[in-house]
Amino acid sequence: MPKDRLQALKRLVGRTPLLEIQCRFRGRDHRIYAKHEAYNFTGSIKDRMALYILERAYADGEIEPGDEIGEATSGNTGISFAAMGRALGHHVRIYMPDWMSRERVLVIQSLGASVIPVSHEQGGFLGSIRMADDFARETSHVFRPQQFDNVANVQAHYETTGPEIVAQLASIDRKPTGFVAGVGTGGTVMGVARYLFEHVPGAQAYPLEPANSPTLRTGHKVGRHRIQGISDEFIPSIVKLDKLGPLVDVWDGDAIVMAQRLASELGIAVGISSGANLLGALQIAHDQGQDACVATVFSDCNKKYLSTDLCSDEECKEHYGSREVELLGFRAIPWCD
């Protein structure tokens, strides 16, 4: 049964459209290319990683029918494992900081998984990982995906996201000069970076983090931010900053404003990290100049953020880059086998 179900899930993950977002930024016209990951099985880019990890685990005998899946997550990964785990017949247990959006909890619970909230006093995100590890150690027949340390996370994007971006750009006679992605686990930016380095000479990949919580710069938790899904208090072991380009910083409020504008001006309803990714990609495109072709990801849609500040009146401050962005239009570049 798992083999048949895995094949069914594979048809529902990846091969997403590539959006060409036409912008004017600081007086120059740019085209930014964003993978529209809301088209995945549960509506986020994390489906790619979750499916690949489960495939590998089954192939290697690390998970068997009847085992429970236990993972620590800030939301989208939990949703992916909840849905795929139940599709494959597994019980799923998710440890998650208790300040994540209510929609995330409700979606995971609706998929038949258990959610264990973890407070700041219990250790926040690091506490979630410790509690998931303790549960797996103390309970038999538990599979821990360990998304922050599992190299299959990187491999998933090396084998899917990277090749898709390059192929879709080639279909319009373009080659990427850069790729920007916010770092949660780091799997997306590391996997795409590796593919670009091997197949597109001169292309560079840039990690993005919140300007008001620069974990990658400092190596530890600093400040607080509202871009759920990135900058989770520590640098994951699969992130190798020496293999990436310079860090890109975006203020969380700026990311909120940009995501709001994508929805209200272009009808592209995305989450907060997608607003950050667009702003980061525009910064790199502007720095690279006229021949830039910068890609990124719109990681999910806005539906898991309706109770957050994404749906509030966010002041657009003087230092926000979104003040300098004019959204001109977009087109969709489909995936073609």
C-alpha atoms as a PDB file:
ATOM      1  CA  MET A   1       0.000   0.000   0.000  1.00  0.00           C
ATOM      2  CA  PRO A   2       2.659   2.654   0.842  1.00  0.00           C
ATOM      3  CA  LYS A   3       4.269   2.257  -2.609  1.00  0.00           C
ATOM      4  CA  ASP A   4       0.975   2.917  -4.413  1.00  0.00           C
ATOM      5  CA  ARG A   5       0.171   5.844  -2.124  1.00  0.00           C
ATOM      6  CA  LEU A   6       3.661   7.312  -2.561  1.00  0.00           C
ATOM      7  CA  GLN A   7       3.224   7.189  -6.328  1.00  0.00           C
ATOM      8  CA  ALA A   8      -0.117   8.984  -5.991  1.00  0.00           C
ATOM      9  CA  LEU A   9       1.448  11.675  -3.813  1.00  0.00           C
ATOM     10  CA  LYS A  10       4.300  12.163  -6.289  1.00  0.00           C
ATOM     11  CA  ARG A  11       1.764  13.215  -8.904  1.00  0.00           C
ATOM     12  CA  LEU A  12       0.516  15.935  -6.540  1.00  0.00           C
ATOM     13  CA  VAL A  13       3.848  17.506  -5.591  1.00  0.00           C
ATOM     14  CA  GLY A  14       6.151  19.733  -7.629  1.00  0.00           C
ATOM     15  CA  ARG A  15       5.993  20.866 -11.263  1.00  0.00           C
ATOM     16  CA  THR A  16       4.463  24.149 -10.084  1.00  0.00           C
ATOM     17  CA  PRO A  17       4.016  27.249 -12.286  1.00  0.00           C
ATOM     18  CA  LEU A  18       6.776  29.842 -12.434  1.00  0.00           C
ATOM     19  CA  LEU A  19       5.429  33.369 -12.095  1.00  0.00           C
ATOM     20  CA  GLU A  20       7.169  36.231 -13.881  1.00  0.00           C
ATOM     21  CA  ILE A  21       6.502  39.244 -11.669  1.00  0.00           C
ATOM     22  CA  GLN A  22       6.981  42.480 -13.607  1.00  0.00           C
ATOM     23  CA  CYS A  23       8.131  45.297 -11.317  1.00  0.00           C
ATOM     24  CA  ARG A  24       9.703  48.714 -11.274  1.00  0.00           C
ATOM     25  CA  PHE A  25      12.192  49.063  -8.402  1.00  0.00           C
ATOM     26  CA  ARG A  26      14.252  52.156  -7.678  1.00  0.00           C
ATOM     27  CA  GLY A  27      13.559  53.495 -11.150  1.00  0.00           C
ATOM     28  CA  ARG A  28      14.456  50.309 -13.057  1.00  0.00           C
ATOM     29  CA  ASP A  29      12.239  47.642 -14.619  1.00  0.00           C
ATOM     30  CA  HIS A  30      12.815  44.090 -13.385  1.00  0.00           C
ATOM     31  CA  ARG A  31      11.318  40.651 -13.899  1.00  0.00           C
ATOM     32  CA  ILE A  32      11.482  38.349 -10.879  1.00  0.00           C
ATOM     33  CA  TYR A  33      10.682  34.654 -11.320  1.00  0.00           C
ATOM     34  CA  ALA A  34       8.879  32.947  -8.433  1.00  0.00           C
ATOM     35  CA  LYS A  35       7.824  29.310  -8.113  1.00  0.00           C
ATOM     36  CA  HIS A  36       4.134  29.341  -7.101  1.00  0.00           C
ATOM     37  CA  GLU A  37       4.324  26.637  -4.416  1.00  0.00           C
ATOM     38  CA  ALA A  38       0.703  26.955  -3.278  1.00  0.00           C
ATOM     39  CA  TYR A  39      -0.018  24.514  -6.127  1.00  0.00           C
ATOM     40  CA  ASN A  40       1.484  21.629  -4.118  1.00  0.00           C
ATOM     41  CA  PHE A  41      -0.572  18.917  -2.359  1.00  0.00           C
ATOM     42  CA  THR A  42      -1.056  20.799   0.937  1.00  0.00           C
ATOM     43  CA  GLY A  43      -0.345  24.249  -0.491  1.00  0.00           C
ATOM     44  CA  SER A  44       3.299  24.824   0.405  1.00  0.00           C
ATOM     45  CA  ILE A  45       6.847  24.146  -0.719  1.00  0.00           C
ATOM     46  CA  LYS A  46       7.346  21.843   2.282  1.00  0.00           C
ATOM     47  CA  ASP A  47       5.505  19.079   0.430  1.00  0.00           C
ATOM     48  CA  ARG A  48       8.612  18.575  -1.708  1.00  0.00           C
ATOM     49  CA  MET A  49      10.814  17.896   1.286  1.00  0.00           C
ATOM     50  CA  ALA A  50       8.264  15.835   3.236  1.00  0.00           C
ATOM     51  CA  LEU A  51       7.547  13.524   0.312  1.00  0.00           C
ATOM     52  CA  TYR A  52      11.227  13.035  -0.500  1.00  0.00           C
ATOM     53  CA  ILE A  53      12.108  12.263   3.127  1.00  0.00           C
ATOM     54  CA  LEU A  54       9.295   9.699   3.368  1.00  0.00           C
ATOM     55  CA  GLU A  55      10.303   8.076   0.073  1.00  0.00           C
ATOM     56  CA  ARG A  56      13.900   7.761   1.230  1.00  0.00           C
ATOM     57  CA  ALA A  57      12.869   6.496   4.658  1.00  0.00           C
ATOM     58  CA  TYR A  58      10.731   3.748   3.145  1.00  0.00           C
ATOM     59  CA  ALA A  59      13.501   2.780   0.701  1.00  0.00           C
ATOM     60  CA  ASP A  60      16.072   2.609   3.522  1.00  0.00           C
ATOM     61  CA  GLY A  61      13.804   0.770   5.963  1.00  0.00           C
ATOM     62  CA  GLU A  62      13.772   3.667   8.446  1.00  0.00           C
ATOM     63  CA  ILE A  63       9.964   3.727   8.548  1.00  0.00           C
ATOM     64  CA  GLU A  64       7.509   0.862   8.336  1.00  0.00           C
ATOM     65  CA  PRO A  65       3.722   0.610   8.134  1.00  0.00           C
ATOM     66  CA  GLY A  66       2.225   1.357  11.542  1.00  0.00           C
ATOM     67  CA  ASP A  67       5.071   3.584  12.738  1.00  0.00           C
ATOM     68  CA  GLU A  68       4.251   7.016  14.142  1.00  0.00           C
ATOM     69  CA  ILE A  69       5.764  10.183  12.656  1.00  0.00           C
ATOM     70  CA  GLY A  70       6.986  12.796  15.149  1.00  0.00           C
ATOM     71  CA  GLU A  71       8.326  16.161  14.012  1.00  0.00           C
ATOM     72  CA  ALA A  72       9.080  19.671  15.289  1.00  0.00           C
ATOM     73  CA  THR A  73       7.905  22.443  12.980  1.00  0.00           C
ATOM     74  CA  SER A  74       6.737  26.025  12.696  1.00  0.00           C
ATOM     75  CA  GLY A  75       3.741  24.922  10.655  1.00  0.00           C
ATOM     76  CA  ASN A  76       3.998  24.096   6.956  1.00  0.00           C
ATOM     77  CA  THR A  77       6.200  21.045   7.485  1.00  0.00           C
ATOM     78  CA  GLY A  78       3.761  19.799  10.101  1.00  0.00           C
ATOM     79  CA  ILE A  79       0.899  20.180   7.657  1.00  0.00           C
ATOM     80  CA  SER A  80       2.838  18.301   4.971  1.00  0.00           C
ATOM     81  CA  PHE A  81       3.741  15.392   7.248  1.00  0.00           C
ATOM     82  CA  ALA A  82       0.235  15.316   8.735  1.00  0.00           C
ATOM     83  CA  ALA A  83      -1.386  14.975   5.308  1.00  0.00           C
ATOM     84  CA  MET A  84       1.170  12.597   3.797  1.00  0.00           C
ATOM     85  CA  GLY A  85       1.506  10.598   6.980  1.00  0.00           C
ATOM     86  CA  ARG A  86      -2.224  10.002   7.162  1.00  0.00           C
ATOM     87  CA  ALA A  87      -2.321   9.218   3.416  1.00  0.00           C
ATOM     88  CA  LEU A  88       0.280   6.516   4.103  1.00  0.00           C
ATOM     89  CA  GLY A  89      -1.532   5.204   7.179  1.00  0.00           C
ATOM     90  CA  HIS A  90       0.676   6.703   9.906  1.00  0.00           C
ATOM     91  CA  HIS A  91      -0.290   8.514  13.074  1.00  0.00           C
ATOM     92  CA  VAL A  92       1.426  11.906  13.197  1.00  0.00           C
ATOM     93  CA  ARG A  93       2.528  13.935  16.227  1.00  0.00           C
ATOM     94  CA  ILE A  94       3.615  17.559  15.712  1.00  0.00           C
ATOM     95  CA  TYR A  95       5.530  19.712  18.231  1.00  0.00           C
ATOM     96  CA  MET A  96       5.130  23.405  17.473  1.00  0.00           C
ATOM     97  CA  PRO A  97       5.825  26.740  19.215  1.00  0.00           C
ATOM     98  CA  ASP A  98       2.570  28.057  20.617  1.00  0.00           C
ATOM     99  CA  TRP A  99       2.875  31.482  18.958  1.00  0.00           C
ATOM    100  CA  MET A 100       2.359  30.162  15.419  1.00  0.00           C
ATOM    101  CA  SER A 101      -0.887  31.102  13.676  1.00  0.00           C
ATOM    102  CA  ARG A 102      -4.100  29.445  14.846  1.00  0.00           C
ATOM    103  CA  GLU A 103      -4.835  28.383  11.278  1.00  0.00           C
ATOM    104  CA  ARG A 104      -1.712  26.198  11.247  1.00  0.00           C
ATOM    105  CA  VAL A 105      -2.867  24.302  14.335  1.00  0.00           C
ATOM    106  CA  LEU A 106      -6.395  23.833  13.025  1.00  0.00           C
ATOM    107  CA  VAL A 107      -5.224  22.564   9.633  1.00  0.00           C
ATOM    108  CA  ILE A 108      -2.865  20.025  11.229  1.00  0.00           C
ATOM    109  CA  GLN A 109      -5.589  18.837  13.590  1.00  0.00           C
ATOM    110  CA  SER A 110      -8.101  18.598  10.742  1.00  0.00           C
ATOM    111  CA  LEU A 111      -5.713  16.169   9.057  1.00  0.00           C
ATOM    112  CA  GLY A 112      -5.947  13.808  12.017  1.00  0.00           C
ATOM    113  CA  ALA A 113      -2.594  14.675  13.600  1.00  0.00           C
ATOM    114  CA  SER A 114      -1.864  15.609  17.214  1.00  0.00           C
ATOM    115  CA  VAL A 115      -0.395  19.044  17.982  1.00  0.00           C
ATOM    116  CA  ILE A 116       1.720  19.581  21.087  1.00  0.00           C
ATOM    117  CA  PRO A 117       2.159  23.337  21.694  1.00  0.00           C
ATOM    118  CA  VAL A 118       5.491  24.439  23.156  1.00  0.00           C
ATOM    119  CA  SER A 119       5.779  27.737  25.037  1.00  0.00           C
ATOM    120  CA  HIS A 120       8.723  30.138  25.328  1.00  0.00           C
ATOM    121  CA  GLU A 121       9.216  28.836  28.878  1.00  0.00           C
ATOM    122  CA  GLN A 122       9.474  25.273  27.526  1.00  0.00           C
ATOM    123  CA  GLY A 123      12.180  26.315  25.094  1.00  0.00           C
ATOM    124  CA  GLY A 124      10.279  27.570  22.060  1.00  0.00           C
ATOM    125  CA  PHE A 125      11.502  26.084  18.828  1.00  0.00           C
ATOM    126  CA  LEU A 126      14.562  24.405  20.333  1.00  0.00           C
ATOM    127  CA  GLY A 127      12.283  23.021  23.007  1.00  0.00           C
ATOM    128  CA  SER A 128      10.003  21.607  20.301  1.00  0.00           C
ATOM    129  CA  ILE A 129      12.942  19.723  18.790  1.00  0.00           C
ATOM    130  CA  ARG A 130      14.051  18.399  22.199  1.00  0.00           C
ATOM    131  CA  MET A 131      10.541  17.214  23.016  1.00  0.00           C
ATOM    132  CA  ALA A 132      10.184  15.463  19.645  1.00  0.00           C
ATOM    133  CA  ASP A 133      13.572  13.791  20.177  1.00  0.00           C
ATOM    134  CA  ASP A 134      12.585  12.691  23.690  1.00  0.00           C
ATOM    135  CA  PHE A 135       9.326  11.240  22.410  1.00  0.00           C
ATOM    136  CA  ALA A 136      11.128   9.243  19.703  1.00  0.00           C
ATOM    137  CA  ARG A 137      13.728   8.010  22.189  1.00  0.00           C
ATOM    138  CA  GLU A 138      11.191   6.945  24.787  1.00  0.00           C
ATOM    139  CA  THR A 139       8.600   5.451  22.407  1.00  0.00           C
ATOM    140  CA  SER A 140       9.054   2.539  20.050  1.00  0.00           C
ATOM    141  CA  HIS A 141       8.228   2.668  16.345  1.00  0.00           C
ATOM    142  CA  VAL A 142       8.569   6.437  15.896  1.00  0.00           C
ATOM    143  CA  PHE A 143      10.072   7.976  12.767  1.00  0.00           C
ATOM    144  CA  ARG A 144      11.735  11.393  13.218  1.00  0.00           C
ATOM    145  CA  PRO A 145      12.145  13.242   9.878  1.00  0.00           C
ATOM    146  CA  GLN A 146      14.557  15.755  11.515  1.00  0.00           C
ATOM    147  CA  GLN A 147      14.056  18.340   8.795  1.00  0.00           C
ATOM    148  CA  PHE A 148      16.818  20.644  10.087  1.00  0.00           C
ATOM    149  CA  ASP A 149      19.498  17.952   9.887  1.00  0.00           C
ATOM    150  CA  ASN A 150      18.282  15.592   7.185  1.00  0.00           C
ATOM    151  CA  VAL A 151      20.306  15.900   3.959  1.00  0.00           C
ATOM    152  CA  ALA A 152      17.286  14.499   2.084  1.00  0.00           C
ATOM    153  CA  ASN A 153      15.744  17.952   2.656  1.00  0.00           C
ATOM    154  CA  VAL A 154      18.492  19.501   0.501  1.00  0.00           C
ATOM    155  CA  GLN A 155      18.372  16.662  -2.024  1.00  0.00           C
ATOM    156  CA  ALA A 156      14.638  17.190  -2.565  1.00  0.00           C
ATOM    157  CA  HIS A 157      15.245  20.698  -3.893  1.00  0.00           C
ATOM    158  CA  TYR A 158      18.349  19.660  -5.807  1.00  0.00           C
ATOM    159  CA  GLU A 159      16.264  17.089  -7.673  1.00  0.00           C
ATOM    160  CA  THR A 160      13.026  19.087  -8.106  1.00  0.00           C
ATOM    161  CA  THR A 161      12.965  22.830  -7.391  1.00  0.00           C
ATOM    162  CA  GLY A 162      16.329  23.657  -8.974  1.00  0.00           C
ATOM    163  CA  PRO A 163      15.800  21.719 -12.222  1.00  0.00           C
ATOM    164  CA  GLU A 164      12.268  23.079 -12.572  1.00  0.00           C
ATOM    165  CA  ILE A 165      13.433  26.694 -12.295  1.00  0.00           C
ATOM    166  CA  VAL A 166      16.197  26.203 -14.845  1.00  0.00           C
ATOM    167  CA  ALA A 167      13.931  24.336 -17.290  1.00  0.00           C
ATOM    168  CA  GLN A 168      11.077  26.827 -17.063  1.00  0.00           C
ATOM    169  CA  LEU A 169      13.430  29.762 -17.572  1.00  0.00           C
ATOM    170  CA  ALA A 170      15.015  27.950 -20.536  1.00  0.00           C
ATOM    171  CA  SER A 171      11.542  27.673 -22.084  1.00  0.00           C
ATOM    172  CA  ILE A 172      11.556  31.476 -22.398  1.00  0.00           C
ATOM    173  CA  ASP A 173      15.247  31.618 -23.377  1.00  0.00           C
ATOM    174  CA  ARG A 174      16.533  32.813 -20.027  1.00  0.00           C
ATOM    175  CA  LYS A 175      19.108  31.546 -17.515  1.00  0.00           C
ATOM    176  CA  PRO A 176      19.080  32.368 -13.801  1.00  0.00           C
ATOM    177  CA  THR A 177      21.804  34.667 -12.526  1.00  0.00           C
ATOM    178  CA  GLY A 178      20.647  34.402  -8.917  1.00  0.00           C
ATOM    179  CA  PHE A 179      18.275  32.696  -6.528  1.00  0.00           C
ATOM    180  CA  VAL A 180      16.981  34.078  -3.211  1.00  0.00           C
ATOM    181  CA  ALA A 181      15.106  32.205  -0.479  1.00  0.00           C
ATOM    182  CA  GLY A 182      14.359  32.744   3.185  1.00  0.00           C
ATOM    183  CA  VAL A 183      16.092  30.265   5.473  1.00  0.00           C
ATOM    184  CA  GLY A 184      13.959  28.126   7.765  1.00  0.00           C
ATOM    185  CA  THR A 185      15.553  24.710   7.487  1.00  0.00           C
ATOM    186  CA  GLY A 186      17.703  25.976   4.623  1.00  0.00           C
ATOM    187  CA  GLY A 187      16.813  23.013   2.434  1.00  0.00           C
ATOM    188  CA  THR A 188      15.425  25.147  -0.400  1.00  0.00           C
ATOM    189  CA  VAL A 189      18.347  27.542  -0.766  1.00  0.00           C
ATOM    190  CA  MET A 190      20.979  24.831  -0.296  1.00  0.00           C
ATOM    191  CA  GLY A 191      19.384  22.404  -2.753  1.00  0.00           C
ATOM    192  CA  VAL A 192      18.766  25.005  -5.454  1.00  0.00           C
ATOM    193  CA  ALA A 193      22.243  26.469  -4.877  1.00  0.00           C
ATOM    194  CA  ARG A 194      23.886  23.107  -5.465  1.00  0.00           C
ATOM    195  CA  TYR A 195      21.925  22.562  -8.682  1.00  0.00           C
ATOM    196  CA  LEU A 196      22.762  26.030  -9.997  1.00  0.00           C
ATOM    197  CA  PHE A 197      26.463  25.668  -9.188  1.00  0.00           C
ATOM    198  CA  GLU A 198      26.583  22.420 -11.189  1.00  0.00           C
ATOM    199  CA  HIS A 199      24.444  23.479 -14.158  1.00  0.00           C
ATOM    200  CA  VAL A 200      24.462  27.284 -14.493  1.00  0.00           C
ATOM    201  CA  PRO A 201      27.994  28.742 -14.376  1.00  0.00           C
ATOM    202  CA  GLY A 202      28.125  32.076 -12.581  1.00  0.00           C
ATOM    203  CA  ALA A 203      24.727  31.811 -10.905  1.00  0.00           C
ATOM    204  CA  GLN A 204      24.656  32.550  -7.188  1.00  0.00           C
ATOM    205  CA  ALA A 205      22.224  31.653  -4.392  1.00  0.00           C
ATOM    206  CA  TYR A 206      21.482  34.062  -1.547  1.00  0.00           C
ATOM    207  CA  PRO A 207      20.033  33.214   1.896  1.00  0.00           C
ATOM    208  CA  LEU A 208      17.448  35.635   3.294  1.00  0.00           C
ATOM    209  CA  GLU A 209      16.537  36.369   6.905  1.00  0.00           C
ATOM    210  CA  PRO A 210      14.555  39.004   8.845  1.00  0.00           C
ATOM    211  CA  ALA A 211      16.506  42.222   9.402  1.00  0.00           C
ATOM    212  CA  ASN A 212      15.028  42.489  12.902  1.00  0.00           C
ATOM    213  CA  SER A 213      16.096  38.944  13.880  1.00  0.00           C
ATOM    214  CA  PRO A 214      19.408  38.188  12.112  1.00  0.00           C
ATOM    215  CA  THR A 215      20.093  34.657  13.340  1.00  0.00           C
ATOM    216  CA  LEU A 216      22.324  33.783  10.377  1.00  0.00           C
ATOM    217  CA  ARG A 217      24.515  36.837  10.979  1.00  0.00           C
ATOM    218  CA  THR A 218      24.891  36.305  14.696  1.00  0.00           C
ATOM    219  CA  GLY A 219      24.703  32.520  14.968  1.00  0.00           C
ATOM    220  CA  HIS A 220      22.017  32.617  17.651  1.00  0.00           C
ATOM    221  CA  LYS A 221      18.540  33.954  18.401  1.00  0.00           C
ATOM    222  CA  VAL A 222      18.434  37.762  18.285  1.00  0.00           C
ATOM    223  CA  GLY A 223      15.298  39.884  18.500  1.00  0.00           C
ATOM    224  CA  ARG A 224      11.855  38.826  17.289  1.00  0.00           C
ATOM    225  CA  HIS A 225      10.099  38.836  13.938  1.00  0.00           C
ATOM    226  CA  ARG A 226       6.783  38.006  12.262  1.00  0.00           C
ATOM    227  CA  ILE A 227       7.879  36.063   9.164  1.00  0.00           C
ATOM    228  CA  GLN A 228       6.638  32.636  10.199  1.00  0.00           C
ATOM    229  CA  GLY A 229       8.637  29.742   8.754  1.00  0.00           C
ATOM    230  CA  ILE A 230      12.089  31.326   8.616  1.00  0.00           C
ATOM    231  CA  SER A 231      14.777  32.234  11.170  1.00  0.00           C
ATOM    232  CA  ASP A 232      13.839  29.596  13.754  1.00  0.00           C
ATOM    233  CA  GLU A 233      16.238  30.603  16.554  1.00  0.00           C
ATOM    234  CA  PHE A 234      19.341  28.718  15.305  1.00  0.00           C
ATOM    235  CA  ILE A 235      21.348  27.847  12.184  1.00  0.00           C
ATOM    236  CA  PRO A 236      20.363  24.360  10.961  1.00  0.00           C
ATOM    237  CA  SER A 237      23.182  21.890  10.361  1.00  0.00           C
ATOM    238  CA  ILE A 238      22.296  21.509   6.666  1.00  0.00           C
ATOM    239  CA  VAL A 239      22.936  25.231   6.051  1.00  0.00           C
ATOM    240  CA  LYS A 240      26.458  25.906   4.751  1.00  0.00           C
ATOM    241  CA  LEU A 241      26.781  29.677   4.539  1.00  0.00           C
ATOM    242  CA  ASP A 242      30.237  29.441   2.975  1.00  0.00           C
ATOM    243  CA  LYS A 243      28.646  27.889  -0.121  1.00  0.00           C
ATOM    244  CA  LEU A 244      26.152  30.738  -0.554  1.00  0.00           C
ATOM    245  CA  GLY A 245      26.248  34.375  -1.560  1.00  0.00           C
ATOM    246  CA  PRO A 246      25.946  37.316   0.846  1.00  0.00           C
ATOM    247  CA  LEU A 247      23.037  37.407   3.265  1.00  0.00           C
ATOM    248  CA  VAL A 248      19.931  39.371   2.276  1.00  0.00           C
ATOM    249  CA  ASP A 249      17.959  41.175   4.998  1.00  0.00           C
ATOM    250  CA  VAL A 250      14.275  42.169   4.851  1.00  0.00           C
ATOM    251  CA  TRP A 251      12.284  43.797   7.668  1.00  0.00           C
ATOM    252  CA  ASP A 252       9.274  41.757   8.736  1.00  0.00           C
ATOM    253  CA  GLY A 253       6.893  44.694   8.323  1.00  0.00           C
ATOM    254  CA  ASP A 254       8.224  45.275   4.818  1.00  0.00           C
ATOM    255  CA  ALA A 255       7.566  41.614   3.986  1.00  0.00           C
ATOM    256  CA  ILE A 256       3.999  41.984   5.284  1.00  0.00           C
ATOM    257  CA  VAL A 257       3.383  45.073   3.154  1.00  0.00           C
ATOM    258  CA  MET A 258       4.797  43.371   0.052  1.00  0.00           C
ATOM    259  CA  ALA A 259       2.654  40.263   0.555  1.00  0.00           C
ATOM    260  CA  GLN A 260      -0.404  42.474   1.071  1.00  0.00           C
ATOM    261  CA  ARG A 261       0.320  44.331  -2.155  1.00  0.00           C
ATOM    262  CA  LEU A 262       0.838  41.137  -4.177  1.00  0.00           C
ATOM    263  CA  ALA A 263      -2.667  40.109  -3.115  1.00  0.00           C
ATOM    264  CA  SER A 264      -4.457  43.453  -3.398  1.00  0.00           C
ATOM    265  CA  GLU A 265      -2.786  44.651  -6.616  1.00  0.00           C
ATOM    266  CA  LEU A 266      -2.132  41.436  -8.568  1.00  0.00           C
ATOM    267  CA  GLY A 267      -4.478  38.955  -6.904  1.00  0.00           C
ATOM    268  CA  ILE A 268      -1.550  36.699  -5.931  1.00  0.00           C
ATOM    269  CA  ALA A 269      -2.432  35.655  -2.371  1.00  0.00           C
ATOM    270  CA  VAL A 270       0.797  34.600  -0.651  1.00  0.00           C
ATOM    271  CA  GLY A 271       2.229  34.282   2.838  1.00  0.00           C
ATOM    272  CA  ILE A 272       4.565  36.728   4.559  1.00  0.00           C
ATOM    273  CA  SER A 273       7.789  34.936   3.596  1.00  0.00           C
ATOM    274  CA  SER A 274       6.834  35.282  -0.066  1.00  0.00           C
ATOM    275  CA  GLY A 275       6.701  39.048   0.335  1.00  0.00           C
ATOM    276  CA  ALA A 276      10.164  38.893   1.876  1.00  0.00           C
ATOM    277  CA  ASN A 277      11.472  36.704  -0.948  1.00  0.00           C
ATOM    278  CA  LEU A 278      10.217  39.109  -3.617  1.00  0.00           C
ATOM    279  CA  LEU A 279      11.886  42.066  -1.901  1.00  0.00           C
ATOM    280  CA  GLY A 280      15.124  40.119  -1.465  1.00  0.00           C
ATOM    281  CA  ALA A 281      15.110  39.042  -5.111  1.00  0.00           C
ATOM    282  CA  LEU A 282      14.554  42.641  -6.199  1.00  0.00           C
ATOM    283  CA  GLN A 283      17.540  43.774  -4.124  1.00  0.00           C
ATOM    284  CA  ILE A 284      19.784  41.205  -5.820  1.00  0.00           C
ATOM    285  CA  ALA A 285      18.398  41.938  -9.302  1.00  0.00           C
ATOM    286  CA  HIS A 286      19.019  45.642  -8.782  1.00  0.00           C
ATOM    287  CA  ASP A 287      22.597  44.960  -7.651  1.00  0.00           C
ATOM    288  CA  GLN A 288      23.268  42.595 -10.580  1.00  0.00           C
ATOM    289  CA  GLY A 289      22.123  45.109 -13.160  1.00  0.00           C
ATOM    290  CA  GLN A 290      20.357  45.031 -16.505  1.00  0.00           C
ATOM    291  CA  ASP A 291      21.065  41.370 -17.369  1.00  0.00           C
ATOM    292  CA  ALA A 292      19.867  39.997 -14.041  1.00  0.00           C
ATOM    293  CA  CYS A 293      17.499  37.030 -14.008  1.00  0.00           C
ATOM    294  CA  VAL A 294      16.711  36.334 -10.362  1.00  0.00           C
ATOM    295  CA  ALA A 295      14.435  33.537  -9.172  1.00  0.00           C
ATOM    296  CA  THR A 296      12.797  32.884  -5.826  1.00  0.00           C
ATOM    297  CA  VAL A 297       9.867  30.980  -4.310  1.00  0.00           C
ATOM    298  CA  PHE A 298       6.420  31.991  -3.177  1.00  0.00           C
ATOM    299  CA  SER A 299       6.368  29.350  -0.454  1.00  0.00           C
ATOM    300  CA  ASP A 300       2.639  29.215   0.305  1.00  0.00           C
ATOM    301  CA  CYS A 301      -0.648  31.114   0.130  1.00  0.00           C
ATOM    302  CA  ASN A 302      -2.139  33.587   2.601  1.00  0.00           C
ATOM    303  CA  LYS A 303      -4.797  31.312   4.107  1.00  0.00           C
ATOM    304  CA  LYS A 304      -2.690  30.248   7.122  1.00  0.00           C
ATOM    305  CA  TYR A 305      -2.025  33.882   8.067  1.00  0.00           C
ATOM    306  CA  LEU A 306      -5.503  35.398   8.234  1.00  0.00           C
ATOM    307  CA  SER A 307      -5.276  35.797  12.030  1.00  0.00           C
ATOM    308  CA  THR A 308      -1.806  37.387  11.864  1.00  0.00           C
ATOM    309  CA  ASP A 309      -0.534  40.862  11.061  1.00  0.00           C
ATOM    310  CA  LEU A 310      -0.732  39.985   7.363  1.00  0.00           C
ATOM    311  CA  CYS A 311      -4.365  41.083   7.665  1.00  0.00           C
ATOM    312  CA  SER A 312      -3.665  44.236   9.674  1.00  0.00           C
ATOM    313  CA  ASP A 313      -2.916  47.817   8.684  1.00  0.00           C
ATOM    314  CA  GLU A 314       0.884  47.722   8.490  1.00  0.00           C
ATOM    315  CA  GLU A 315       2.654  51.086   8.431  1.00  0.00           C
ATOM    316  CA  CYS A 316       5.035  51.408   5.473  1.00  0.00           C
ATOM    317  CA  LYS A 317       8.120  52.976   7.041  1.00  0.00           C
ATOM    318  CA  GLU A 318      10.707  55.145   5.336  1.00  0.00           C
ATOM    319  CA  HIS A 319      13.389  52.446   5.251  1.00  0.00           C
ATOM    320  CA  TYR A 320      11.080  49.819   3.716  1.00  0.00           C
ATOM    321  CA  GLY A 321      12.000  48.711   0.219  1.00  0.00           C
ATOM    322  CA  SER A 322       8.364  48.074  -0.707  1.00  0.00           C
ATOM    323  CA  ARG A 323       7.906  51.856  -0.893  1.00  0.00           C
ATOM    324  CA  GLU A 324      10.119  51.749  -3.985  1.00  0.00           C
ATOM    325  CA  VAL A 325       8.325  48.864  -5.727  1.00  0.00           C
ATOM    326  CA  GLU A 326       5.712  49.325  -8.434  1.00  0.00           C
ATOM    327  CA  LEU A 327       3.935  46.088  -9.380  1.00  0.00           C
ATOM    328  CA  LEU A 328       3.263  46.198 -13.129  1.00  0.00           C
ATOM    329  CA  GLY A 329       1.843  42.744 -13.860  1.00  0.00           C
ATOM    330  CA  PHE A 330       2.683  39.076 -14.149  1.00  0.00           C
ATOM    331  CA  ARG A 331       2.499  36.025 -16.363  1.00  0.00           C
ATOM    332  CA  ALA A 332       2.611  32.315 -15.567  1.00  0.00           C
ATOM    333  CA  ILE A 333       5.153  29.953 -17.120  1.00  0.00           C
ATOM    334  CA  PRO A 334       3.743  26.429 -16.815  1.00  0.00           C
ATOM    335  CA  TRP A 335       5.670  23.243 -16.201  1.00  0.00           C
ATOM    336  CA  CYS A 336       5.945  21.119 -19.319  1.00  0.00           C
ATOM    337  CA  ASP A 337       7.247  17.535 -19.152  1.00  0.00           C
END
